C-alpha cells in the first residue's frame, strides 16, 4: 500500500513537471510568434505608399495570425491594424498595387480587413 502511494505521488509529480514544461514551451512559442509578427508589421509599415515585391507575401503571412486561436489578442489586433493601414494608404492607386498580389494573397488581405457580414 505504501509503495502504491509513493508510485502515485511520483506519477503526480511527473505530471506537474510535464505540465510546467508544456506551459514554458507555450510561453516561448507565444513570445516567438509575437516577435515575428511585430517584425513583419514593421516591414510592411516601413513602406507606406509603395508595394515592394516582398510586401504581398509578408501580408499573407501576417493574415494567418489574424484568426489563429493560440495567438494573443494583441497579436491579432496588431495584424488587423497593420493590414487595414496598408489598405488605407494604398487606396489611391490600388489598381496598380493590386497587380503585385496573387489571388490567394489578395483574399488573405481582404479576409483581415473586411467586416464580416453576419446577416448575409
Protein backbone atom coordinates (compact mmCIF):
# COMPACT_ATOMS: atom_id res chain seq x y z
CA UNK A 1 0.00 0.00 0.00
CA UNK A 2 2.84 2.40 0.83
CA UNK A 3 4.57 1.50 -2.45
CA UNK A 4 1.38 2.33 -4.37
CA UNK A 5 1.12 5.74 -2.65
CA UNK A 6 4.76 6.53 -3.45
CA UNK A 7 4.25 5.48 -7.05
CA UNK A 8 1.09 7.59 -7.30
CA UNK A 9 2.83 10.66 -5.92
CA UNK A 10 5.76 10.13 -8.28
CA UNK A 11 3.31 9.96 -11.21
CA UNK A 12 1.56 13.11 -9.99
CA UNK A 13 4.86 14.96 -9.65
CA UNK A 14 5.82 13.88 -13.13
CA UNK A 15 2.52 15.20 -14.45
CA UNK A 16 3.11 18.53 -12.71
CA UNK A 17 6.60 18.70 -14.20
CA UNK A 18 5.26 17.86 -17.64
CA UNK A 19 2.53 20.47 -17.28
CA UNK A 20 5.06 23.10 -16.24
CA UNK A 21 7.33 22.17 -19.15
CA UNK A 22 4.37 22.42 -21.54
CA UNK A 23 3.45 25.84 -20.12
CA UNK A 24 7.03 27.07 -20.53
CA UNK A 25 7.12 25.87 -24.15
CA UNK A 26 3.80 27.60 -24.87
CA UNK A 27 5.07 30.90 -23.41
CA UNK A 28 8.22 30.62 -25.52
CA UNK A 29 6.14 29.90 -28.63
CA UNK A 30 3.91 32.90 -27.91
CA UNK A 31 6.94 35.19 -27.48
CA UNK A 32 8.48 33.96 -30.76
CA UNK A 33 5.18 34.48 -32.53
CA UNK A 34 4.78 37.98 -31.15
CA UNK A 35 8.32 38.98 -32.16
CA UNK A 36 7.90 37.53 -35.64
CA UNK A 37 4.55 39.20 -36.20
CA UNK A 38 5.78 42.56 -34.94
CA UNK A 39 8.85 42.41 -37.20
CA UNK A 40 6.65 41.67 -40.22
CA UNK A 41 4.33 44.52 -39.20
CA UNK A 42 7.31 46.89 -39.07
CA UNK A 43 8.46 45.70 -42.50
CA UNK A 44 5.02 46.35 -44.00
CA UNK A 45 4.63 49.74 -42.29
CA UNK A 46 8.13 50.75 -43.37
CA UNK A 47 6.91 51.26 -46.96
CA UNK A 48 3.58 53.04 -46.52
CA UNK A 49 2.94 54.22 -50.09
CA UNK A 50 4.58 51.67 -52.36
CA UNK A 51 4.48 47.90 -52.68
CA UNK A 52 7.89 46.21 -52.95
CA UNK A 53 7.79 42.58 -54.11
CA UNK A 54 8.10 41.18 -50.57
CA UNK A 55 5.08 43.03 -49.14
CA UNK A 56 2.31 40.77 -50.56
CA UNK A 57 3.99 37.69 -49.10
CA UNK A 58 4.52 39.45 -45.76
CA UNK A 59 0.84 40.45 -45.62
CA UNK A 60 -0.27 36.92 -46.48
CA UNK A 61 1.94 35.55 -43.68
CA UNK A 62 0.56 38.13 -41.26
CA UNK A 63 -3.04 37.37 -42.17
CA UNK A 64 -2.66 33.82 -40.85
CA UNK A 65 -2.14 35.23 -37.36
CA UNK A 66 -5.31 37.28 -37.50
CA UNK A 67 -7.55 34.27 -36.96
CA UNK A 68 -5.22 31.89 -35.13
CA UNK A 69 -6.79 30.71 -31.87
CA UNK A 70 -3.48 30.46 -30.00
CA UNK A 71 -2.39 33.99 -30.98
CA UNK A 72 -2.84 36.60 -28.28
CA UNK A 73 -5.39 39.33 -28.80
CA UNK A 74 -2.54 41.85 -29.00
CA UNK A 75 -1.05 39.95 -31.95
CA UNK A 76 -4.40 39.58 -33.70
CA UNK A 77 -5.29 43.25 -33.18
CA UNK A 78 -1.90 44.42 -34.46
CA UNK A 79 -2.24 42.28 -37.59
CA UNK A 80 -5.68 43.74 -38.28
CA UNK A 81 -4.44 47.28 -37.65
CA UNK A 82 -1.45 46.91 -39.98
CA UNK A 83 -3.48 45.28 -42.78
CA UNK A 84 -6.13 47.99 -42.52
CA UNK A 85 -3.50 50.72 -42.51
CA UNK A 86 -1.80 49.17 -45.56
CA UNK A 87 -5.10 49.07 -47.43
CA UNK A 88 -5.90 52.67 -46.41
CA UNK A 89 -2.52 54.05 -47.52
CA UNK A 90 -2.72 52.24 -50.86
CA UNK A 91 -6.32 53.11 -51.75
CA UNK A 92 -5.48 55.95 -54.14
CA UNK A 93 -3.54 53.73 -56.53
CA UNK A 94 -4.97 50.34 -55.52
CA UNK A 95 -5.38 49.01 -59.08
CA UNK A 96 -1.62 49.31 -59.67
CA UNK A 97 -0.69 47.86 -56.25
CA UNK A 98 -3.19 45.03 -56.62
CA UNK A 99 -1.34 43.65 -59.65
CA UNK A 100 1.60 42.64 -57.45
CA UNK A 101 -0.56 40.24 -55.41
CA UNK A 102 -1.63 36.71 -56.28
CA UNK A 103 -5.32 35.90 -55.92
CA UNK A 104 -4.62 33.99 -52.67
CA UNK A 105 -2.67 36.93 -51.22
CA UNK A 106 -5.48 39.34 -52.09
CA UNK A 107 -8.05 37.05 -50.49
CA UNK A 108 -5.92 36.74 -47.34
CA UNK A 109 -5.67 40.53 -47.08
CA UNK A 110 -9.40 41.00 -47.71
CA UNK A 111 -10.26 38.39 -45.07
CA UNK A 112 -8.46 40.51 -42.48
CA UNK A 113 -9.66 43.98 -43.50
CA UNK A 114 -13.24 43.21 -44.48
CA UNK A 115 -16.04 43.36 -41.97
CA UNK A 116 -17.89 40.06 -41.59
CA UNK A 117 -21.48 40.11 -42.78
CA UNK A 118 -23.46 38.37 -40.07
CA UNK A 119 -26.76 38.71 -41.85
CA UNK A 120 -25.67 37.62 -45.30
